[in-house]
Amino acid sequence: SSIFDAKAGIGLSASFMKLVSWYDNEWGY
């Protein structure tokens, strides 16, 4: 259960970072 939570947390932070970098690229223009 804790392993699943850890994997879920990693997946969430990864997609969150993608979202942040995407916003960064959008506002970069």
N, C-alpha and C. Protein backbone atom coordinates (compact mmCIF):
# COMPACT_ATOMS: atom_id res chain seq x y z
N SER A 1 0.84 -1.20 0.00
CA SER A 1 0.00 0.00 0.00
C SER A 1 0.87 1.25 0.00
N SER A 2 1.93 1.25 0.83
CA SER A 2 2.81 2.42 0.88
C SER A 2 3.61 2.52 -0.43
N ILE A 3 3.93 1.36 -1.02
CA ILE A 3 4.66 1.37 -2.30
C ILE A 3 3.78 1.99 -3.38
N PHE A 4 2.50 1.62 -3.37
CA PHE A 4 1.56 2.17 -4.34
C PHE A 4 1.44 3.68 -4.15
N ASP A 5 1.37 4.11 -2.89
CA ASP A 5 1.29 5.54 -2.59
C ASP A 5 2.52 6.27 -3.12
N ALA A 6 3.68 5.66 -2.93
CA ALA A 6 4.92 6.28 -3.39
C ALA A 6 4.90 6.42 -4.91
N LYS A 7 4.48 5.35 -5.60
CA LYS A 7 4.43 5.39 -7.06
C LYS A 7 3.42 6.43 -7.52
N ALA A 8 2.28 6.49 -6.84
CA ALA A 8 1.25 7.47 -7.20
C ALA A 8 1.79 8.88 -7.00
N GLY A 9 2.51 9.09 -5.90
CA GLY A 9 3.08 10.41 -5.63
C GLY A 9 4.08 10.80 -6.71
N ILE A 10 4.91 9.85 -7.13
CA ILE A 10 5.91 10.12 -8.17
C ILE A 10 5.19 10.47 -9.48
N GLY A 11 4.16 9.71 -9.81
CA GLY A 11 3.40 9.96 -11.04
C GLY A 11 2.74 11.33 -11.00
N LEU A 12 2.18 11.67 -9.84
CA LEU A 12 1.51 12.97 -9.70
C LEU A 12 2.50 14.11 -9.86
N SER A 13 3.64 14.00 -9.17
CA SER A 13 4.63 15.08 -9.24
C SER A 13 5.20 15.17 -10.66
N ALA A 14 5.34 14.03 -11.34
CA ALA A 14 5.88 14.03 -12.70
C ALA A 14 4.92 14.77 -13.63
N SER A 15 3.64 14.44 -13.56
CA SER A 15 2.66 15.10 -14.43
C SER A 15 2.51 16.56 -14.03
N PHE A 16 2.67 16.87 -12.73
CA PHE A 16 2.59 18.25 -12.27
C PHE A 16 3.75 19.06 -12.85
N MET A 17 4.93 18.45 -12.86
CA MET A 17 6.10 19.13 -13.41
C MET A 17 5.91 19.36 -14.91
N LYS A 18 5.30 18.38 -15.59
CA LYS A 18 5.02 18.54 -17.02
C LYS A 18 4.09 19.73 -17.22
N LEU A 19 3.06 19.81 -16.36
CA LEU A 19 2.11 20.91 -16.46
C LEU A 19 2.80 22.25 -16.23
N VAL A 20 3.66 22.30 -15.22
CA VAL A 20 4.38 23.54 -14.89
C VAL A 20 5.30 23.93 -16.05
N SER A 21 6.02 22.97 -16.60
CA SER A 21 6.94 23.28 -17.70
C SER A 21 6.15 23.68 -18.94
N TRP A 22 4.96 23.09 -19.13
CA TRP A 22 4.13 23.45 -20.28
C TRP A 22 3.66 24.90 -20.13
N TYR A 23 3.21 25.26 -18.94
CA TYR A 23 2.81 26.65 -18.68
C TYR A 23 4.00 27.58 -18.91
N ASP A 24 5.18 27.14 -18.47
CA ASP A 24 6.39 27.93 -18.62
C ASP A 24 6.65 28.19 -20.11
N ASN A 25 6.49 27.14 -20.93
CA ASN A 25 6.72 27.28 -22.37
C ASN A 25 5.69 28.21 -22.99
N GLU A 26 4.43 28.07 -22.56
CA GLU A 26 3.36 28.90 -23.11
C GLU A 26 3.61 30.38 -22.80
N TRP A 27 3.97 30.66 -21.55
CA TRP A 27 4.19 32.05 -21.15
C TRP A 27 5.54 32.57 -21.66
N GLY A 28 6.42 31.64 -22.07
CA GLY A 28 7.74 32.04 -22.55
C GLY A 28 7.63 32.83 -23.85
N TYR A 29 6.62 32.49 -24.65
CA TYR A 29 6.44 33.21 -25.90
C TYR A 29 5.88 34.59 -25.59
